Amino acid sequence: MPALWITHVSVSNEEDYGKYAKLAGPAIAKHGGTFLARGTRYKWIEGNERPRNVVVRFDSIEAAEACYNSPEYQEALSFAKDASERDMVFVEIADA
């Protein structure tokens, strides 16, 4: 069943986060992810606002998880960990 990788981000170090983004995009694409939203306009309604929002479609939750755990994505993530605060979830798409 298809799934979405949804991340809400507050960036504290633009330079290091830029290094993350440069590596993360190709890692996600390599694992079959397709960006649906990436830093685009948004309207926050409830909860803790994070100004950068990313939505990626994968063939399954397992594919999203495999991407996240891949050496390529983990290398990218090493730049984001001290450069941002992130909330992330993988969600199956209902009736897909």
C-alpha atoms as a PDB file:
ATOM      1  CA  MET A   1       0.000   0.000   0.000  1.00  0.00           C
ATOM      2  CA  PRO A   2       1.464   3.434  -0.900  1.00  0.00           C
ATOM      3  CA  ALA A   3       2.673   5.621   1.940  1.00  0.00           C
ATOM      4  CA  LEU A   4       3.625   9.204   2.685  1.00  0.00           C
ATOM      5  CA  TRP A   5       6.777  10.324   4.455  1.00  0.00           C
ATOM      6  CA  ILE A   6       5.823  13.568   6.213  1.00  0.00           C
ATOM      7  CA  THR A   7       8.383  15.774   7.913  1.00  0.00           C
ATOM      8  CA  HIS A   8       7.892  19.102   9.698  1.00  0.00           C
ATOM      9  CA  VAL A   9      11.144  20.999  10.227  1.00  0.00           C
ATOM     10  CA  SER A  10      12.500  24.081  11.994  1.00  0.00           C
ATOM     11  CA  VAL A  11      15.971  24.878  10.658  1.00  0.00           C
ATOM     12  CA  SER A  12      18.518  26.430  13.030  1.00  0.00           C
ATOM     13  CA  ASN A  13      21.615  26.208  10.799  1.00  0.00           C
ATOM     14  CA  GLU A  14      20.874  26.919   7.132  1.00  0.00           C
ATOM     15  CA  GLU A  15      24.380  25.997   5.925  1.00  0.00           C
ATOM     16  CA  ASP A  16      24.414  22.517   7.464  1.00  0.00           C
ATOM     17  CA  TYR A  17      20.772  21.910   6.601  1.00  0.00           C
ATOM     18  CA  GLY A  18      21.620  22.773   3.014  1.00  0.00           C
ATOM     19  CA  LYS A  19      24.196  19.967   3.065  1.00  0.00           C
ATOM     20  CA  TYR A  20      21.477  17.624   4.311  1.00  0.00           C
ATOM     21  CA  ALA A  21      19.067  18.684   1.544  1.00  0.00           C
ATOM     22  CA  LYS A  22      21.716  18.274  -1.152  1.00  0.00           C
ATOM     23  CA  LEU A  23      22.289  14.631  -0.124  1.00  0.00           C
ATOM     24  CA  ALA A  24      18.757  13.719   0.996  1.00  0.00           C
ATOM     25  CA  GLY A  25      17.026  14.462  -2.310  1.00  0.00           C
ATOM     26  CA  PRO A  26      19.100  11.990  -4.350  1.00  0.00           C
ATOM     27  CA  ALA A  27      18.935   9.372  -1.555  1.00  0.00           C
ATOM     28  CA  ILE A  28      15.150   9.599  -1.463  1.00  0.00           C
ATOM     29  CA  ALA A  29      14.871   9.440  -5.263  1.00  0.00           C
ATOM     30  CA  LYS A  30      17.224   6.425  -5.352  1.00  0.00           C
ATOM     31  CA  HIS A  31      14.803   4.571  -3.077  1.00  0.00           C
ATOM     32  CA  GLY A  32      11.722   5.391  -5.141  1.00  0.00           C
ATOM     33  CA  GLY A  33      10.476   8.435  -3.253  1.00  0.00           C
ATOM     34  CA  THR A  34       8.616  11.168  -5.131  1.00  0.00           C
ATOM     35  CA  PHE A  35       8.414  14.642  -3.602  1.00  0.00           C
ATOM     36  CA  LEU A  36       4.867  16.004  -3.391  1.00  0.00           C
ATOM     37  CA  ALA A  37       5.738  19.061  -1.263  1.00  0.00           C
ATOM     38  CA  ARG A  38       9.126  20.385  -0.270  1.00  0.00           C
ATOM     39  CA  GLY A  39       9.405  23.735   1.469  1.00  0.00           C
ATOM     40  CA  THR A  40       6.354  25.106  -0.332  1.00  0.00           C
ATOM     41  CA  ARG A  41       3.709  27.525   0.929  1.00  0.00           C
ATOM     42  CA  TYR A  42       1.673  26.244   3.868  1.00  0.00           C
ATOM     43  CA  LYS A  43      -1.006  27.278   6.371  1.00  0.00           C
ATOM     44  CA  TRP A  44      -0.420  25.968   9.908  1.00  0.00           C
ATOM     45  CA  ILE A  45      -3.647  25.185  11.766  1.00  0.00           C
ATOM     46  CA  GLU A  46      -2.823  23.358  15.027  1.00  0.00           C
ATOM     47  CA  GLY A  47       0.056  22.136  17.156  1.00  0.00           C
ATOM     48  CA  ASN A  48       3.696  23.163  17.092  1.00  0.00           C
ATOM     49  CA  GLU A  49       4.478  25.063  13.922  1.00  0.00           C
ATOM     50  CA  ARG A  50       7.533  24.066  11.923  1.00  0.00           C
ATOM     51  CA  PRO A  51       8.023  26.319   8.890  1.00  0.00           C
ATOM     52  CA  ARG A  52       9.457  23.720   6.507  1.00  0.00           C
ATOM     53  CA  ASN A  53       7.190  20.839   5.511  1.00  0.00           C
ATOM     54  CA  VAL A  54       8.094  17.911   3.274  1.00  0.00           C
ATOM     55  CA  VAL A  55       5.803  15.209   1.870  1.00  0.00           C
ATOM     56  CA  VAL A  56       7.235  12.288  -0.115  1.00  0.00           C
ATOM     57  CA  ARG A  57       5.298   9.386  -1.639  1.00  0.00           C
ATOM     58  CA  PHE A  58       6.722   5.859  -1.488  1.00  0.00           C
ATOM     59  CA  ASP A  59       5.335   2.528  -2.675  1.00  0.00           C
ATOM     60  CA  SER A  60       4.974   1.376   0.960  1.00  0.00           C
ATOM     61  CA  ILE A  61       5.872   2.181   4.550  1.00  0.00           C
ATOM     62  CA  GLU A  62       8.582  -0.461   4.250  1.00  0.00           C
ATOM     63  CA  ALA A  63      10.106   1.365   1.258  1.00  0.00           C
ATOM     64  CA  ALA A  64      10.084   4.662   3.182  1.00  0.00           C
ATOM     65  CA  GLU A  65      11.691   2.969   6.180  1.00  0.00           C
ATOM     66  CA  ALA A  66      14.320   1.294   3.992  1.00  0.00           C
ATOM     67  CA  CYS A  67      15.184   4.684   2.528  1.00  0.00           C
ATOM     68  CA  TYR A  68      15.399   6.279   5.981  1.00  0.00           C
ATOM     69  CA  ASN A  69      17.716   3.513   7.209  1.00  0.00           C
ATOM     70  CA  SER A  70      19.876   3.483   4.070  1.00  0.00           C
ATOM     71  CA  PRO A  71      23.531   4.550   4.290  1.00  0.00           C
ATOM     72  CA  GLU A  72      22.856   7.368   1.800  1.00  0.00           C
ATOM     73  CA  TYR A  73      20.038   8.895   3.817  1.00  0.00           C
ATOM     74  CA  GLN A  74      21.811   8.396   7.149  1.00  0.00           C
ATOM     75  CA  GLU A  75      24.804  10.301   5.754  1.00  0.00           C
ATOM     76  CA  ALA A  76      22.460  13.156   4.798  1.00  0.00           C
ATOM     77  CA  LEU A  77      20.724  12.999   8.177  1.00  0.00           C
ATOM     78  CA  SER A  78      24.029  13.492   9.985  1.00  0.00           C
ATOM     79  CA  PHE A  79      23.969  17.118   8.743  1.00  0.00           C
ATOM     80  CA  ALA A  80      20.348  17.728   9.781  1.00  0.00           C
ATOM     81  CA  LYS A  81      20.534  16.427  13.345  1.00  0.00           C
ATOM     82  CA  ASP A  82      22.308  19.479  14.833  1.00  0.00           C
ATOM     83  CA  ALA A  83      20.927  21.908  12.247  1.00  0.00           C
ATOM     84  CA  SER A  84      17.202  21.385  12.807  1.00  0.00           C
ATOM     85  CA  GLU A  85      14.331  20.144  14.936  1.00  0.00           C
ATOM     86  CA  ARG A  86      12.149  17.648  13.068  1.00  0.00           C
ATOM     87  CA  ASP A  87       8.936  15.711  13.494  1.00  0.00           C
ATOM     88  CA  MET A  88       8.512  12.825  11.074  1.00  0.00           C
ATOM     89  CA  VAL A  89       5.952  10.118  10.346  1.00  0.00           C
ATOM     90  CA  PHE A  90       5.280   7.489   7.676  1.00  0.00           C
ATOM     91  CA  VAL A  91       1.556   7.054   6.906  1.00  0.00           C
ATOM     92  CA  GLU A  92      -0.186   4.608   4.577  1.00  0.00           C
ATOM     93  CA  ILE A  93      -2.468   6.193   2.007  1.00  0.00           C
ATOM     94  CA  ALA A  94      -6.045   5.008   2.563  1.00  0.00           C
ATOM     95  CA  ASP A  95      -7.863   3.508  -0.406  1.00  0.00           C
ATOM     96  CA  ALA A  96      -4.893   3.971  -2.724  1.00  0.00           C
END
